[in-house]
Amino acid sequence: MSRADETTAQPAETPDEAQSIGETTPLPRRFLATASGPVDRITDYGDETTERVRADISIEYSIETLEEFATF
């Protein structure tokens, strides 16, 4: 078998194998997930003191890889 045949005969990586070695799969384009609205922010100070504050928030999250999309 020639050297070129050895190179082309290697099996392709599955997405799980690619992720396990730190590679990512880019999406065809970037996605931007956005959300906004009222929330209750709760802060627990550990000494039986809990603070609850009503707040309006806005979140933007950029998704550029298949792995980010799967975990979003």
Protein backbone atom coordinates (compact mmCIF):
# COMPACT_ATOMS: atom_id res chain seq x y z
CA MET A 1 0.00 0.00 0.00
CA SER A 2 1.45 3.38 -0.95
CA ARG A 3 1.74 6.26 1.52
CA ALA A 4 -1.16 8.08 -0.18
CA ASP A 5 -3.39 5.02 0.25
CA GLU A 6 -2.56 4.84 3.96
CA THR A 7 -3.62 8.46 4.43
CA THR A 8 -6.93 8.13 2.60
CA ALA A 9 -7.76 4.79 4.24
CA GLN A 10 -8.09 6.35 7.72
CA PRO A 11 -11.68 6.36 9.05
CA ALA A 12 -13.32 9.75 9.50
CA GLU A 13 -13.81 11.01 13.04
CA THR A 14 -17.31 11.00 14.47
CA PRO A 15 -18.56 14.23 16.10
CA ASP A 16 -18.12 12.60 19.54
CA GLU A 17 -14.48 11.76 18.78
CA ALA A 18 -13.81 15.27 17.49
CA GLN A 19 -15.25 16.82 20.64
CA SER A 20 -13.27 14.51 22.92
CA ILE A 21 -9.98 15.74 21.46
CA GLY A 22 -10.96 19.41 21.67
CA GLU A 23 -12.04 20.04 18.09
CA THR A 24 -15.20 21.97 17.29
CA THR A 25 -17.66 21.83 14.42
CA PRO A 26 -18.39 25.32 13.10
CA LEU A 27 -21.96 26.14 12.10
CA PRO A 28 -22.61 27.57 8.60
CA ARG A 29 -23.39 30.92 10.24
CA ARG A 30 -23.43 32.46 13.72
CA PHE A 31 -26.69 32.42 15.69
CA LEU A 32 -27.56 35.06 18.27
CA ALA A 33 -29.94 33.99 21.04
CA THR A 34 -31.53 36.88 22.92
CA ALA A 35 -33.86 37.10 25.90
CA SER A 36 -35.12 39.91 28.10
CA GLY A 37 -37.64 40.49 30.82
CA PRO A 38 -38.22 40.67 34.55
CA VAL A 39 -36.51 38.23 36.94
CA ASP A 40 -36.15 37.77 40.68
CA ARG A 41 -32.47 37.94 41.64
CA ILE A 42 -31.96 35.99 44.85
CA THR A 43 -28.76 36.38 46.86
CA ASP A 44 -28.11 33.97 49.73
CA TYR A 45 -25.49 35.25 52.15
CA GLY A 46 -25.18 31.91 54.00
CA ASP A 47 -26.00 33.31 57.44
CA GLU A 48 -29.77 32.84 56.99
CA THR A 49 -29.96 36.22 55.22
CA THR A 50 -31.55 36.10 51.77
CA GLU A 51 -32.03 39.13 49.57
CA ARG A 52 -34.65 39.11 46.81
CA VAL A 53 -34.60 41.92 44.22
CA ARG A 54 -36.84 42.32 41.18
CA ALA A 55 -34.80 43.30 38.11
CA ASP A 56 -35.15 43.61 34.34
CA ILE A 57 -32.44 41.80 32.38
CA SER A 58 -31.31 41.41 28.80
CA ILE A 59 -29.14 38.51 27.63
CA GLU A 60 -27.37 37.95 24.30
CA TYR A 61 -25.55 34.69 23.56
CA SER A 62 -23.60 34.03 20.37
CA ILE A 63 -23.63 30.42 19.13
CA GLU A 64 -20.91 29.61 16.60
CA THR A 65 -20.27 25.85 16.92
CA LEU A 66 -22.37 22.70 16.99
CA GLU A 67 -21.09 21.95 20.50
CA GLU A 68 -22.25 25.36 21.80
CA PHE A 69 -25.66 24.80 20.18
CA ALA A 70 -26.02 21.38 21.83
CA THR A 71 -25.26 22.74 25.31
CA PHE A 72 -27.29 25.97 25.05
